[in-house]
């Protein structure tokens, strides 16, 4: 059963923004709290990432002092009870990408189930 106390889209947006925070990205434990056990990502490079690969890659290379990733045009939609789809544009030091995330409700709360980024010049 989905937690009715929190707006699902708001919860997904909050989780997504936490995942973009340099402090969270530098911590394998904090990332693990937000990623679904079956998490997959299609990166902007086209590479398919597993949960363990993305945690190891980001926690191993990101530092808390890194500039935050800027976000614009974020929108969310409740697709079904317990499933939220987010879209937005990220700007990471001038590298822009259109992003899409699917968040799922679990017994542990809202977790990112799938993410895809596509490089964008606009």
C-alpha atoms as a PDB file:
ATOM      1  CA  UNK A   1       0.000   0.000   0.000  1.00  0.00           C
ATOM      2  CA  UNK A   2       1.314   3.432  -0.919  1.00  0.00           C
ATOM      3  CA  UNK A   3       1.922   5.865   1.949  1.00  0.00           C
ATOM      4  CA  UNK A   4      -0.973   8.314   1.642  1.00  0.00           C
ATOM      5  CA  UNK A   5       0.656  10.897   3.949  1.00  0.00           C
ATOM      6  CA  UNK A   6       3.064  12.108   1.263  1.00  0.00           C
ATOM      7  CA  UNK A   7       2.240  13.314  -2.238  1.00  0.00           C
ATOM      8  CA  UNK A   8       3.860  10.690  -4.520  1.00  0.00           C
ATOM      9  CA  UNK A   9       5.155  13.197  -7.088  1.00  0.00           C
ATOM     10  CA  UNK A  10       6.554  15.433  -4.356  1.00  0.00           C
ATOM     11  CA  UNK A  11       8.271  12.431  -2.745  1.00  0.00           C
ATOM     12  CA  UNK A  12       9.836  11.412  -6.071  1.00  0.00           C
ATOM     13  CA  UNK A  13      11.039  14.963  -6.770  1.00  0.00           C
ATOM     14  CA  UNK A  14      12.580  15.141  -3.301  1.00  0.00           C
ATOM     15  CA  UNK A  15      14.339  11.821  -3.852  1.00  0.00           C
ATOM     16  CA  UNK A  16      15.585  12.825  -7.292  1.00  0.00           C
ATOM     17  CA  UNK A  17      17.016  16.093  -5.990  1.00  0.00           C
ATOM     18  CA  UNK A  18      18.713  14.233  -3.145  1.00  0.00           C
ATOM     19  CA  UNK A  19      20.372  11.918  -5.672  1.00  0.00           C
ATOM     20  CA  UNK A  20      21.767  14.972  -7.468  1.00  0.00           C
ATOM     21  CA  UNK A  21      23.251  16.397  -4.257  1.00  0.00           C
ATOM     22  CA  UNK A  22      27.070  15.994  -4.173  1.00  0.00           C
ATOM     23  CA  UNK A  23      26.953  14.840  -0.535  1.00  0.00           C
ATOM     24  CA  UNK A  24      24.542  12.019  -1.375  1.00  0.00           C
ATOM     25  CA  UNK A  25      26.381  11.112  -4.598  1.00  0.00           C
ATOM     26  CA  UNK A  26      29.627  10.748  -2.656  1.00  0.00           C
ATOM     27  CA  UNK A  27      28.069   8.286  -0.190  1.00  0.00           C
ATOM     28  CA  UNK A  28      27.434   4.679  -1.196  1.00  0.00           C
ATOM     29  CA  UNK A  29      25.158   4.281   1.851  1.00  0.00           C
ATOM     30  CA  UNK A  30      22.998   7.304   1.046  1.00  0.00           C
ATOM     31  CA  UNK A  31      22.718   6.310  -2.610  1.00  0.00           C
ATOM     32  CA  UNK A  32      21.766   2.759  -1.638  1.00  0.00           C
ATOM     33  CA  UNK A  33      18.898   4.137   0.474  1.00  0.00           C
ATOM     34  CA  UNK A  34      17.378   5.805  -2.602  1.00  0.00           C
ATOM     35  CA  UNK A  35      17.991   3.221  -5.331  1.00  0.00           C
ATOM     36  CA  UNK A  36      15.613   0.294  -5.792  1.00  0.00           C
ATOM     37  CA  UNK A  37      17.289  -3.140  -5.481  1.00  0.00           C
ATOM     38  CA  UNK A  38      16.478  -3.751  -9.187  1.00  0.00           C
ATOM     39  CA  UNK A  39      17.633  -0.275 -10.308  1.00  0.00           C
ATOM     40  CA  UNK A  40      18.909   0.133 -13.887  1.00  0.00           C
ATOM     41  CA  UNK A  41      20.138   3.219 -15.711  1.00  0.00           C
ATOM     42  CA  UNK A  42      20.758   3.964 -19.355  1.00  0.00           C
ATOM     43  CA  UNK A  43      23.381   6.695 -19.092  1.00  0.00           C
ATOM     44  CA  UNK A  44      23.812   9.640 -21.416  1.00  0.00           C
ATOM     45  CA  UNK A  45      26.695   7.664 -22.964  1.00  0.00           C
ATOM     46  CA  UNK A  46      24.314   4.828 -23.819  1.00  0.00           C
ATOM     47  CA  UNK A  47      25.851   2.499 -21.227  1.00  0.00           C
ATOM     48  CA  UNK A  48      23.550   0.293 -19.165  1.00  0.00           C
ATOM     49  CA  UNK A  49      24.354   0.588 -15.453  1.00  0.00           C
ATOM     50  CA  UNK A  50      23.291  -1.695 -12.612  1.00  0.00           C
ATOM     51  CA  UNK A  51      22.635  -0.480  -9.083  1.00  0.00           C
ATOM     52  CA  UNK A  52      25.997  -1.684  -7.784  1.00  0.00           C
ATOM     53  CA  UNK A  53      27.888  -0.235 -10.780  1.00  0.00           C
ATOM     54  CA  UNK A  54      26.356   3.236 -10.495  1.00  0.00           C
ATOM     55  CA  UNK A  55      26.900   3.364  -6.732  1.00  0.00           C
ATOM     56  CA  UNK A  56      30.547   2.320  -7.102  1.00  0.00           C
ATOM     57  CA  UNK A  57      31.144   4.755  -9.960  1.00  0.00           C
ATOM     58  CA  UNK A  58      29.568   7.804  -8.345  1.00  0.00           C
ATOM     59  CA  UNK A  59      30.678   7.202  -4.772  1.00  0.00           C
ATOM     60  CA  UNK A  60      34.192   6.542  -6.018  1.00  0.00           C
ATOM     61  CA  UNK A  61      34.521   9.679  -8.125  1.00  0.00           C
ATOM     62  CA  UNK A  62      32.232  12.349  -6.686  1.00  0.00           C
ATOM     63  CA  UNK A  63      33.387  14.685  -3.940  1.00  0.00           C
ATOM     64  CA  UNK A  64      31.230  16.714  -1.569  1.00  0.00           C
ATOM     65  CA  UNK A  65      32.888  19.908  -2.855  1.00  0.00           C
ATOM     66  CA  UNK A  66      31.741  19.311  -6.448  1.00  0.00           C
ATOM     67  CA  UNK A  67      29.412  21.917  -7.920  1.00  0.00           C
ATOM     68  CA  UNK A  68      25.768  20.826  -7.642  1.00  0.00           C
ATOM     69  CA  UNK A  69      24.007  19.650 -10.768  1.00  0.00           C
ATOM     70  CA  UNK A  70      21.469  22.250 -11.887  1.00  0.00           C
ATOM     71  CA  UNK A  71      17.944  21.127 -12.698  1.00  0.00           C
ATOM     72  CA  UNK A  72      15.242  22.791 -14.804  1.00  0.00           C
ATOM     73  CA  UNK A  73      11.837  21.929 -16.256  1.00  0.00           C
ATOM     74  CA  UNK A  74      11.144  19.133 -13.763  1.00  0.00           C
ATOM     75  CA  UNK A  75       7.684  17.647 -14.061  1.00  0.00           C
ATOM     76  CA  UNK A  76       6.163  14.570 -12.509  1.00  0.00           C
ATOM     77  CA  UNK A  77       3.205  12.324 -13.165  1.00  0.00           C
ATOM     78  CA  UNK A  78       1.633   9.585 -11.073  1.00  0.00           C
ATOM     79  CA  UNK A  79       1.386   6.726 -13.601  1.00  0.00           C
ATOM     80  CA  UNK A  80      -0.296   4.266 -11.241  1.00  0.00           C
ATOM     81  CA  UNK A  81      -0.511   3.811  -7.484  1.00  0.00           C
ATOM     82  CA  UNK A  82       3.100   3.519  -6.344  1.00  0.00           C
ATOM     83  CA  UNK A  83       4.693   4.559  -9.666  1.00  0.00           C
ATOM     84  CA  UNK A  84       5.865   8.093 -10.523  1.00  0.00           C
ATOM     85  CA  UNK A  85       7.533   9.290 -13.729  1.00  0.00           C
ATOM     86  CA  UNK A  86       9.760  12.385 -13.629  1.00  0.00           C
ATOM     87  CA  UNK A  87      11.309  14.299 -16.522  1.00  0.00           C
ATOM     88  CA  UNK A  88      13.757  17.204 -16.341  1.00  0.00           C
ATOM     89  CA  UNK A  89      16.854  18.794 -17.814  1.00  0.00           C
ATOM     90  CA  UNK A  90      20.156  18.598 -15.955  1.00  0.00           C
ATOM     91  CA  UNK A  91      23.195  20.814 -16.398  1.00  0.00           C
ATOM     92  CA  UNK A  92      26.403  19.430 -14.966  1.00  0.00           C
ATOM     93  CA  UNK A  93      29.092  22.022 -15.632  1.00  0.00           C
ATOM     94  CA  UNK A  94      27.691  22.786 -19.111  1.00  0.00           C
ATOM     95  CA  UNK A  95      26.914  19.145 -19.988  1.00  0.00           C
ATOM     96  CA  UNK A  96      23.154  19.198 -20.518  1.00  0.00           C
ATOM     97  CA  UNK A  97      20.936  16.132 -20.627  1.00  0.00           C
ATOM     98  CA  UNK A  98      17.230  15.397 -20.787  1.00  0.00           C
ATOM     99  CA  UNK A  99      16.417  12.949 -18.025  1.00  0.00           C
ATOM    100  CA  UNK A 100      13.630  10.518 -17.230  1.00  0.00           C
ATOM    101  CA  UNK A 101      13.173   8.649 -13.945  1.00  0.00           C
ATOM    102  CA  UNK A 102      10.695   6.076 -12.700  1.00  0.00           C
ATOM    103  CA  UNK A 103      10.175   5.943  -8.935  1.00  0.00           C
ATOM    104  CA  UNK A 104       8.414   3.038  -7.182  1.00  0.00           C
ATOM    105  CA  UNK A 105       6.926   2.743  -3.726  1.00  0.00           C
ATOM    106  CA  UNK A 106       8.443  -0.085  -1.648  1.00  0.00           C
ATOM    107  CA  UNK A 107       8.175  -1.210   1.963  1.00  0.00           C
ATOM    108  CA  UNK A 108      11.286   0.951   2.536  1.00  0.00           C
ATOM    109  CA  UNK A 109       9.700   4.031   0.906  1.00  0.00           C
ATOM    110  CA  UNK A 110      10.108   5.638  -2.510  1.00  0.00           C
ATOM    111  CA  UNK A 111      13.035   4.224  -4.516  1.00  0.00           C
ATOM    112  CA  UNK A 112      14.408   5.075  -7.957  1.00  0.00           C
ATOM    113  CA  UNK A 113      13.684   2.068 -10.177  1.00  0.00           C
ATOM    114  CA  UNK A 114      14.868   3.299 -13.602  1.00  0.00           C
ATOM    115  CA  UNK A 115      16.702   6.322 -14.970  1.00  0.00           C
ATOM    116  CA  UNK A 116      17.744   7.439 -18.450  1.00  0.00           C
ATOM    117  CA  UNK A 117      19.725  10.464 -19.587  1.00  0.00           C
ATOM    118  CA  UNK A 118      20.113  11.713 -23.159  1.00  0.00           C
ATOM    119  CA  UNK A 119      22.636  14.435 -23.993  1.00  0.00           C
ATOM    120  CA  UNK A 120      21.032  17.635 -25.264  1.00  0.00           C
ATOM    121  CA  UNK A 121      22.403  20.724 -26.978  1.00  0.00           C
ATOM    122  CA  UNK A 122      19.361  22.888 -26.171  1.00  0.00           C
END
